[in-house]
Amino acid sequence: MTLETLKQIRAWKICQASRRTELAQIQTDLALMAKAGNKQTEGYKAAKKLADALAKSYDEQAEEIAQAEQWINHLPGLKQAIFRLRYIEGLSWTLVAQRTGYSEMLFPVLSVPYLEGLFANLIK
């Protein structure tokens, strides 16, 4: 787990929904092409290759998301809430402070040293 991965999680979660929809549409198209006897066409082969690549990318990102969420779930109470609100929900430090009832100034001070320590000592 890296800080960059945490920063990407929110975007990946948003992308996952559109990838799921796109993959389902391609799979539907592939089924229709196969039913029509077009499995040997270049269009079918290209669509199959695209579907396989999308599925692989989707699975890899889903694994990264699951690992990040599992990592966050193991943090102590307030830190877990801070990381979930900031990196999973994508809230600003101001909104994190409002939701947790703490000063906004506390969070960058709390999270950066905490992250650096965790990444240096616990996660390799």
C-alpha atoms as a PDB file:
ATOM      1  CA  MET A   1       0.000   0.000   0.000  1.00  0.00           C
ATOM      2  CA  THR A   2       1.312   3.420  -0.912  1.00  0.00           C
ATOM      3  CA  LEU A   3       0.054   6.955  -0.449  1.00  0.00           C
ATOM      4  CA  GLU A   4      -0.374   7.198  -4.224  1.00  0.00           C
ATOM      5  CA  THR A   5      -2.578   4.094  -4.202  1.00  0.00           C
ATOM      6  CA  LEU A   6      -4.741   5.616  -1.481  1.00  0.00           C
ATOM      7  CA  LYS A   7      -5.097   8.768  -3.543  1.00  0.00           C
ATOM      8  CA  GLN A   8      -6.170   6.700  -6.585  1.00  0.00           C
ATOM      9  CA  ILE A   9      -8.792   4.593  -4.792  1.00  0.00           C
ATOM     10  CA  ARG A  10     -11.661   7.077  -5.130  1.00  0.00           C
ATOM     11  CA  ALA A  11     -11.079   7.530  -8.867  1.00  0.00           C
ATOM     12  CA  TRP A  12     -10.776   3.782  -9.358  1.00  0.00           C
ATOM     13  CA  LYS A  13     -14.058   3.155  -7.544  1.00  0.00           C
ATOM     14  CA  ILE A  14     -15.797   5.622  -9.849  1.00  0.00           C
ATOM     15  CA  CYS A  15     -14.195   4.017 -12.907  1.00  0.00           C
ATOM     16  CA  GLN A  16     -15.208   0.538 -11.762  1.00  0.00           C
ATOM     17  CA  ALA A  17     -18.896   1.275 -12.309  1.00  0.00           C
ATOM     18  CA  SER A  18     -18.386   2.460 -15.882  1.00  0.00           C
ATOM     19  CA  ARG A  19     -16.020  -0.428 -16.622  1.00  0.00           C
ATOM     20  CA  ARG A  20     -18.597  -2.915 -15.356  1.00  0.00           C
ATOM     21  CA  THR A  21     -21.213  -1.387 -17.649  1.00  0.00           C
ATOM     22  CA  GLU A  22     -18.853  -1.280 -20.629  1.00  0.00           C
ATOM     23  CA  LEU A  23     -17.741  -4.867 -20.068  1.00  0.00           C
ATOM     24  CA  ALA A  24     -21.346  -6.084 -19.788  1.00  0.00           C
ATOM     25  CA  GLN A  25     -22.198  -4.352 -23.071  1.00  0.00           C
ATOM     26  CA  ILE A  26     -19.213  -5.895 -24.863  1.00  0.00           C
ATOM     27  CA  GLN A  27     -20.071  -9.320 -23.489  1.00  0.00           C
ATOM     28  CA  THR A  28     -23.655  -8.900 -24.731  1.00  0.00           C
ATOM     29  CA  ASP A  29     -22.346  -7.905 -28.151  1.00  0.00           C
ATOM     30  CA  LEU A  30     -20.006 -10.911 -28.172  1.00  0.00           C
ATOM     31  CA  ALA A  31     -22.883 -13.247 -27.323  1.00  0.00           C
ATOM     32  CA  LEU A  32     -24.972 -11.813 -30.163  1.00  0.00           C
ATOM     33  CA  MET A  33     -22.068 -12.112 -32.596  1.00  0.00           C
ATOM     34  CA  ALA A  34     -21.431 -15.698 -31.519  1.00  0.00           C
ATOM     35  CA  LYS A  35     -25.117 -16.554 -31.882  1.00  0.00           C
ATOM     36  CA  ALA A  36     -25.036 -15.134 -35.414  1.00  0.00           C
ATOM     37  CA  GLY A  37     -22.023 -17.305 -36.238  1.00  0.00           C
ATOM     38  CA  ASN A  38     -19.509 -14.446 -36.382  1.00  0.00           C
ATOM     39  CA  LYS A  39     -16.872 -15.869 -34.020  1.00  0.00           C
ATOM     40  CA  GLN A  40     -14.231 -15.962 -36.741  1.00  0.00           C
ATOM     41  CA  THR A  41     -14.581 -12.329 -37.812  1.00  0.00           C
ATOM     42  CA  GLU A  42     -12.009  -9.675 -37.032  1.00  0.00           C
ATOM     43  CA  GLY A  43     -14.677  -7.649 -35.231  1.00  0.00           C
ATOM     44  CA  TYR A  44     -15.452 -10.516 -32.874  1.00  0.00           C
ATOM     45  CA  LYS A  45     -11.770 -11.157 -32.201  1.00  0.00           C
ATOM     46  CA  ALA A  46     -11.122  -7.471 -31.479  1.00  0.00           C
ATOM     47  CA  ALA A  47     -14.160  -7.250 -29.175  1.00  0.00           C
ATOM     48  CA  LYS A  48     -13.057 -10.412 -27.352  1.00  0.00           C
ATOM     49  CA  LYS A  49      -9.541  -9.018 -26.894  1.00  0.00           C
ATOM     50  CA  LEU A  50     -10.999  -5.755 -25.548  1.00  0.00           C
ATOM     51  CA  ALA A  51     -13.332  -7.622 -23.185  1.00  0.00           C
ATOM     52  CA  ASP A  52     -10.439  -9.696 -21.844  1.00  0.00           C
ATOM     53  CA  ALA A  53      -8.282  -6.594 -21.287  1.00  0.00           C
ATOM     54  CA  LEU A  54     -11.127  -4.753 -19.544  1.00  0.00           C
ATOM     55  CA  ALA A  55     -11.859  -7.751 -17.325  1.00  0.00           C
ATOM     56  CA  LYS A  56      -8.187  -8.058 -16.346  1.00  0.00           C
ATOM     57  CA  SER A  57      -7.898  -4.326 -15.593  1.00  0.00           C
ATOM     58  CA  TYR A  58     -11.167  -4.399 -13.635  1.00  0.00           C
ATOM     59  CA  ASP A  59      -9.986  -7.353 -11.541  1.00  0.00           C
ATOM     60  CA  GLU A  60      -6.596  -5.738 -10.822  1.00  0.00           C
ATOM     61  CA  GLN A  61      -8.179  -2.476  -9.699  1.00  0.00           C
ATOM     62  CA  ALA A  62     -10.809  -4.294  -7.649  1.00  0.00           C
ATOM     63  CA  GLU A  63      -7.978  -6.101  -5.826  1.00  0.00           C
ATOM     64  CA  GLU A  64      -6.166  -2.804  -5.137  1.00  0.00           C
ATOM     65  CA  ILE A  65      -9.403  -1.250  -3.854  1.00  0.00           C
ATOM     66  CA  ALA A  66     -10.062  -4.238  -1.585  1.00  0.00           C
ATOM     67  CA  GLN A  67      -6.511  -4.105  -0.200  1.00  0.00           C
ATOM     68  CA  ALA A  68      -6.767  -0.380   0.506  1.00  0.00           C
ATOM     69  CA  GLU A  69     -10.129  -0.778   2.215  1.00  0.00           C
ATOM     70  CA  GLN A  70      -8.802  -3.687   4.280  1.00  0.00           C
ATOM     71  CA  TRP A  71      -5.766  -1.616   5.262  1.00  0.00           C
ATOM     72  CA  ILE A  72      -8.005   1.293   6.316  1.00  0.00           C
ATOM     73  CA  ASN A  73     -10.254  -1.082   8.289  1.00  0.00           C
ATOM     74  CA  HIS A  74      -7.273  -2.069  10.450  1.00  0.00           C
ATOM     75  CA  LEU A  75      -6.534   1.506  11.541  1.00  0.00           C
ATOM     76  CA  PRO A  76      -7.631   2.682  15.004  1.00  0.00           C
ATOM     77  CA  GLY A  77     -10.994   4.528  15.283  1.00  0.00           C
ATOM     78  CA  LEU A  78     -10.343   8.198  14.485  1.00  0.00           C
ATOM     79  CA  LYS A  79      -7.575   7.454  12.001  1.00  0.00           C
ATOM     80  CA  GLN A  80      -9.817   4.947  10.224  1.00  0.00           C
ATOM     81  CA  ALA A  81     -12.573   7.562   9.940  1.00  0.00           C
ATOM     82  CA  ILE A  82     -10.121  10.182   8.675  1.00  0.00           C
ATOM     83  CA  PHE A  83      -8.623   7.920   6.016  1.00  0.00           C
ATOM     84  CA  ARG A  84     -12.017   6.598   4.898  1.00  0.00           C
ATOM     85  CA  LEU A  85     -13.507  10.080   4.587  1.00  0.00           C
ATOM     86  CA  ARG A  86     -10.445  11.547   2.892  1.00  0.00           C
ATOM     87  CA  TYR A  87      -9.335   8.759   0.542  1.00  0.00           C
ATOM     88  CA  ILE A  88     -12.373   6.552  -0.039  1.00  0.00           C
ATOM     89  CA  GLU A  89     -15.087   9.221  -0.011  1.00  0.00           C
ATOM     90  CA  GLY A  90     -12.767  11.932  -1.343  1.00  0.00           C
ATOM     91  CA  LEU A  91     -13.759  14.659   1.111  1.00  0.00           C
ATOM     92  CA  SER A  92     -11.670  17.787   1.661  1.00  0.00           C
ATOM     93  CA  TRP A  93      -9.840  18.264   4.968  1.00  0.00           C
ATOM     94  CA  THR A  94     -12.495  20.839   5.904  1.00  0.00           C
ATOM     95  CA  LEU A  95     -15.326  18.340   5.438  1.00  0.00           C
ATOM     96  CA  VAL A  96     -13.367  15.613   7.232  1.00  0.00           C
ATOM     97  CA  ALA A  97     -13.003  17.983  10.179  1.00  0.00           C
ATOM     98  CA  GLN A  98     -16.711  18.819  10.149  1.00  0.00           C
ATOM     99  CA  ARG A  99     -17.738  15.164  10.029  1.00  0.00           C
ATOM    100  CA  THR A 100     -15.404  14.092  12.841  1.00  0.00           C
ATOM    101  CA  GLY A 101     -15.798  17.192  15.021  1.00  0.00           C
ATOM    102  CA  TYR A 102     -12.066  17.972  15.102  1.00  0.00           C
ATOM    103  CA  SER A 103     -10.093  20.989  13.968  1.00  0.00           C
ATOM    104  CA  GLU A 104      -9.197  21.006  10.292  1.00  0.00           C
ATOM    105  CA  MET A 105      -5.619  21.888  11.246  1.00  0.00           C
ATOM    106  CA  LEU A 106      -5.237  18.550  13.059  1.00  0.00           C
ATOM    107  CA  PHE A 107      -5.678  16.325  10.029  1.00  0.00           C
ATOM    108  CA  PRO A 108      -2.733  17.129   7.792  1.00  0.00           C
ATOM    109  CA  VAL A 109      -0.519  17.054  10.874  1.00  0.00           C
ATOM    110  CA  LEU A 110      -2.021  13.748  12.008  1.00  0.00           C
ATOM    111  CA  SER A 111      -2.211  11.984   8.668  1.00  0.00           C
ATOM    112  CA  VAL A 112       1.118  12.813   6.982  1.00  0.00           C
ATOM    113  CA  PRO A 113       3.402  11.639   9.814  1.00  0.00           C
ATOM    114  CA  TYR A 114       1.123   8.684  10.440  1.00  0.00           C
ATOM    115  CA  LEU A 115       1.223   7.684   6.782  1.00  0.00           C
ATOM    116  CA  GLU A 116       4.976   8.106   6.515  1.00  0.00           C
ATOM    117  CA  GLY A 117       5.507   6.000   9.622  1.00  0.00           C
ATOM    118  CA  LEU A 118       3.163   3.266   8.474  1.00  0.00           C
ATOM    119  CA  PHE A 119       4.575   3.102   4.993  1.00  0.00           C
ATOM    120  CA  ALA A 120       8.146   3.088   6.247  1.00  0.00           C
ATOM    121  CA  ASN A 121       7.660   0.503   8.988  1.00  0.00           C
ATOM    122  CA  LEU A 122       4.609  -1.643   8.309  1.00  0.00           C
ATOM    123  CA  ILE A 123       3.849  -1.889   4.635  1.00  0.00           C
ATOM    124  CA  LYS A 124       6.463  -3.029   2.201  1.00  0.00           C
END
